[in-house]
N, C-alpha and C. Protein backbone atom coordinates (compact mmCIF):
# COMPACT_ATOMS: atom_id res chain seq x y z
N MET A 1 46.87 -18.05 27.76
CA MET A 1 46.91 -18.70 26.60
C MET A 1 45.53 -18.98 25.85
N GLU A 2 45.28 -20.00 26.78
CA GLU A 2 43.32 -20.37 26.25
C GLU A 2 42.42 -19.46 26.36
N LEU A 3 42.52 -18.16 27.39
CA LEU A 3 41.67 -17.16 27.63
C LEU A 3 41.87 -16.36 26.12
N ILE A 4 43.01 -16.39 25.44
CA ILE A 4 42.99 -15.25 24.41
C ILE A 4 42.56 -16.06 22.97
N ASP A 5 42.71 -17.50 23.10
CA ASP A 5 42.31 -18.52 21.98
C ASP A 5 40.79 -18.46 22.00
N ARG A 6 40.07 -18.15 23.22
CA ARG A 6 38.86 -18.43 23.15
C ARG A 6 37.97 -16.52 23.08
N LEU A 7 39.18 -15.96 23.28
CA LEU A 7 38.43 -14.40 22.64
C LEU A 7 38.72 -14.34 21.24
N GLU A 8 39.72 -15.05 21.09
CA GLU A 8 39.45 -14.92 19.15
C GLU A 8 38.52 -15.61 18.69
N GLN A 9 38.26 -16.87 19.36
CA GLN A 9 37.28 -17.65 18.64
C GLN A 9 35.59 -16.84 18.85
N ARG A 10 35.32 -16.31 19.92
CA ARG A 10 34.25 -15.60 19.96
C ARG A 10 34.18 -14.49 19.40
N LEU A 11 35.31 -13.52 19.24
CA LEU A 11 35.44 -12.52 18.14
C LEU A 11 35.27 -12.78 16.89
N GLU A 12 35.70 -13.95 16.41
CA GLU A 12 35.34 -14.76 15.03
C GLU A 12 33.64 -15.06 15.12
N SER A 13 33.37 -15.80 15.49
CA SER A 13 32.21 -15.66 15.91
C SER A 13 31.00 -15.06 15.96
N LEU A 14 31.16 -13.74 16.50
CA LEU A 14 30.49 -12.43 16.66
C LEU A 14 30.53 -11.97 15.02
N LEU A 15 31.46 -11.50 14.65
CA LEU A 15 31.82 -11.06 12.95
C LEU A 15 31.17 -12.21 12.09
N GLU A 16 31.08 -13.25 12.41
CA GLU A 16 30.55 -14.11 11.49
C GLU A 16 28.40 -13.92 11.80
N GLU A 17 28.20 -13.53 13.02
CA GLU A 17 26.93 -13.46 13.24
C GLU A 17 26.79 -12.31 12.40
N ILE A 18 27.29 -11.02 12.88
CA ILE A 18 27.24 -9.75 12.32
C ILE A 18 27.17 -9.81 10.76
N GLU A 19 28.03 -10.41 10.10
CA GLU A 19 27.53 -10.43 8.57
C GLU A 19 26.52 -10.96 8.10
N THR A 20 26.05 -12.36 9.03
CA THR A 20 24.61 -13.18 9.02
C THR A 20 23.78 -11.98 8.88
N LEU A 21 23.98 -11.07 9.73
CA LEU A 21 22.82 -10.03 9.92
C LEU A 21 22.49 -9.13 8.94
N LYS A 22 23.69 -8.55 8.57
CA LYS A 22 23.58 -7.81 7.93
C LYS A 22 23.08 -8.24 6.50
N ASN A 23 23.63 -9.61 5.92
CA ASN A 23 22.71 -9.93 5.21
C ASN A 23 21.45 -10.24 5.19
N GLU A 24 20.77 -10.55 6.25
CA GLU A 24 19.79 -10.75 6.50
C GLU A 24 18.72 -9.28 6.40
N ASN A 25 19.67 -8.36 7.02
CA ASN A 25 19.04 -6.77 6.84
C ASN A 25 18.96 -6.70 5.57
N ILE A 26 19.45 -6.96 4.42
CA ILE A 26 19.90 -6.60 3.29
C ILE A 26 18.61 -7.03 2.33
N GLN A 27 18.14 -8.36 3.17
CA GLN A 27 17.02 -9.57 2.24
C GLN A 27 15.96 -8.71 2.71
N LEU A 28 15.70 -8.24 4.15
CA LEU A 28 14.37 -7.81 3.93
C LEU A 28 14.21 -6.48 3.62
N LYS A 29 15.30 -5.75 3.62
CA LYS A 29 15.13 -4.40 3.36
C LYS A 29 14.29 -4.56 1.64
N GLU A 30 15.51 -5.44 0.77
CA GLU A 30 14.81 -5.26 -0.45
C GLU A 30 12.79 -6.35 -0.77
N GLU A 31 12.69 -7.33 0.53
CA GLU A 31 11.37 -7.64 0.56
C GLU A 31 10.44 -6.35 1.00
N VAL A 32 10.96 -5.47 1.64
CA VAL A 32 10.02 -4.45 1.68
C VAL A 32 9.72 -3.48 1.01
N GLU A 33 11.09 -3.15 0.22
CA GLU A 33 10.63 -2.28 -0.92
C GLU A 33 9.77 -3.22 -1.98
N VAL A 34 10.19 -4.25 -2.35
CA VAL A 34 8.92 -4.92 -3.49
C VAL A 34 7.32 -5.02 -3.16
N SER A 35 7.69 -4.94 -1.58
CA SER A 35 6.06 -5.12 -0.94
C SER A 35 5.38 -3.84 -1.52
N LEU A 36 6.31 -2.79 -0.69
CA LEU A 36 5.73 -1.54 -0.87
C LEU A 36 5.31 -1.24 -2.02
N SER A 37 6.45 -1.44 -3.31
CA SER A 37 5.68 -1.14 -4.58
C SER A 37 4.36 -1.96 -5.06
N VAL A 38 4.19 -3.04 -4.68
CA VAL A 38 3.07 -3.69 -4.95
C VAL A 38 1.90 -3.19 -4.23
N LEU A 39 2.18 -2.65 -3.12
CA LEU A 39 0.70 -2.02 -2.44
C LEU A 39 0.65 -0.80 -2.85
N GLU A 40 1.44 0.24 -3.27
CA GLU A 40 1.43 1.55 -3.80
C GLU A 40 1.01 0.83 -5.44
N GLU A 41 0.86 0.32 -5.70
CA GLU A 41 0.32 0.26 -7.03
C GLU A 41 -1.20 -0.48 -6.99
N GLU A 42 -1.63 -0.91 -6.02
CA GLU A 42 -2.64 -1.78 -5.66
C GLU A 42 -3.53 0.02 -5.18
N ASN A 43 -2.82 0.48 -4.15
CA ASN A 43 -3.58 1.72 -4.03
C ASN A 43 -4.09 2.80 -5.07
N ARG A 44 -3.13 2.86 -6.07
CA ARG A 44 -3.08 3.73 -7.09
C ARG A 44 -4.32 3.10 -7.89
N SER A 45 -4.25 2.23 -7.90
CA SER A 45 -5.71 1.28 -8.93
C SER A 45 -6.72 1.64 -7.98
N LEU A 46 -6.57 1.47 -6.76
CA LEU A 46 -8.14 1.18 -5.90
C LEU A 46 -8.57 3.00 -5.88
N LYS A 47 -7.51 4.12 -6.10
CA LYS A 47 -8.00 5.27 -6.01
C LYS A 47 -8.84 5.36 -7.37
N GLU A 48 -7.91 5.13 -8.76
CA GLU A 48 -8.49 5.14 -9.61
C GLU A 48 -10.24 4.53 -9.64
N GLU A 49 -10.67 3.54 -9.07
CA GLU A 49 -11.53 2.66 -8.77
C GLU A 49 -12.69 3.76 -8.21
N LEU A 50 -12.36 4.12 -6.94
CA LEU A 50 -12.95 5.26 -6.07
C LEU A 50 -13.22 5.99 -7.42
N GLU A 51 -12.71 6.72 -7.80
CA GLU A 51 -12.90 8.36 -8.56
C GLU A 51 -14.00 8.21 -9.56
N GLN A 52 -14.00 6.65 -9.93
CA GLN A 52 -14.55 6.26 -11.20
C GLN A 52 -16.17 6.09 -10.71
N GLU A 53 -16.29 5.66 -9.60
CA GLU A 53 -17.56 5.66 -8.73
C GLU A 53 -17.76 6.74 -8.33
N ARG A 54 -17.16 7.67 -7.67
CA ARG A 54 -17.86 8.66 -7.54
C ARG A 54 -18.32 9.80 -8.75
N SER A 55 -17.59 9.84 -9.87
CA SER A 55 -17.93 10.46 -11.18
C SER A 55 -19.27 9.98 -11.24
N THR A 56 -19.27 8.42 -11.34
CA THR A 56 -20.63 7.43 -11.82
C THR A 56 -22.00 7.97 -11.06
N LYS A 57 -21.56 7.94 -9.91
CA LYS A 57 -22.48 8.41 -8.67
C LYS A 57 -22.76 9.62 -8.97
N GLU A 58 -22.21 10.65 -9.32
CA GLU A 58 -22.26 12.23 -9.51
C GLU A 58 -23.58 12.29 -10.75
N ALA A 59 -23.16 11.28 -11.83
CA ALA A 59 -23.64 11.34 -13.25
C ALA A 59 -24.82 10.64 -12.84
N VAL A 60 -24.81 9.86 -12.14
CA VAL A 60 -26.67 9.42 -11.36
C VAL A 60 -27.42 10.19 -10.72
N MET A 61 -26.58 11.11 -10.07
CA MET A 61 -27.53 11.75 -9.09
C MET A 61 -28.03 12.97 -10.09
N GLY A 62 -27.12 13.42 -11.01
CA GLY A 62 -27.81 14.50 -11.60
C GLY A 62 -28.71 14.14 -12.62
N ARG A 63 -28.71 12.76 -13.16
CA ARG A 63 -29.85 12.17 -13.79
C ARG A 63 -31.09 12.04 -13.15
N ILE A 64 -30.97 11.75 -11.99
CA ILE A 64 -32.00 11.63 -10.98
C ILE A 64 -32.76 12.86 -10.81
N ASP A 65 -31.97 14.02 -10.25
CA ASP A 65 -32.45 15.27 -10.06
C ASP A 65 -32.98 15.82 -11.37
N GLY A 66 -32.53 15.67 -12.59
CA GLY A 66 -33.40 15.94 -13.55
C GLY A 66 -34.91 15.15 -13.77
N LEU A 67 -34.87 13.68 -13.50
CA LEU A 67 -36.10 13.47 -13.39
C LEU A 67 -37.28 14.03 -13.01
N LEU A 68 -36.26 13.97 -11.26
CA LEU A 68 -37.23 14.80 -10.36
C LEU A 68 -37.95 16.03 -10.93
N SER A 69 -37.01 17.02 -11.36
CA SER A 69 -37.54 17.96 -11.55
C SER A 69 -38.61 18.01 -12.78
N LYS A 70 -38.11 17.14 -13.71
CA LYS A 70 -39.19 16.99 -15.12
C LYS A 70 -40.62 15.97 -13.91
N LEU A 71 -40.66 15.38 -13.03
CA LEU A 71 -41.85 14.85 -12.32
C LEU A 71 -42.29 16.22 -11.87
N SER A 72 -41.71 17.02 -11.15
CA SER A 72 -42.08 18.10 -10.57
C SER A 72 -42.61 18.74 -11.41
N THR A 73 -42.30 19.52 -12.31
CA THR A 73 -43.00 20.50 -13.24
C THR A 73 -44.02 19.52 -14.23
N SER A 74 -44.59 18.58 -14.31
CA SER A 74 -45.26 17.95 -14.65
C SER A 74 -46.57 18.04 -14.11
N SER A 75 -46.33 17.65 -12.35
CA SER A 75 -47.21 17.48 -11.81
C SER A 75 -48.04 18.91 -11.83
N ASP A 76 -46.90 19.96 -11.32
CA ASP A 76 -47.08 21.24 -11.19
C ASP A 76 -48.16 21.73 -12.26
N SER A 77 -47.89 21.28 -13.71
CA SER A 77 -48.93 21.62 -14.78
C SER A 77 -50.14 21.00 -14.20
N MET A 78 -50.18 20.23 -14.10
CA MET A 78 -51.66 19.39 -13.79
C MET A 78 -52.48 19.99 -13.23
């Protein structure tokens, strides 16, 4: 009888542990989802900033090319 009592106690203990682990798993999944959402937003923002920087760089490079072309044309006519 004592063995069955111990087995029942052990089973109850394991079931409680499983329930605790399930709850912990749910909480961790929620935390991961929130973190992923934050990271996705940050990533989107950084991509937008990078695209703006690229666009600005292209515009500046175009203006520099224009100035160099004017300079070259000016020096050729001298």
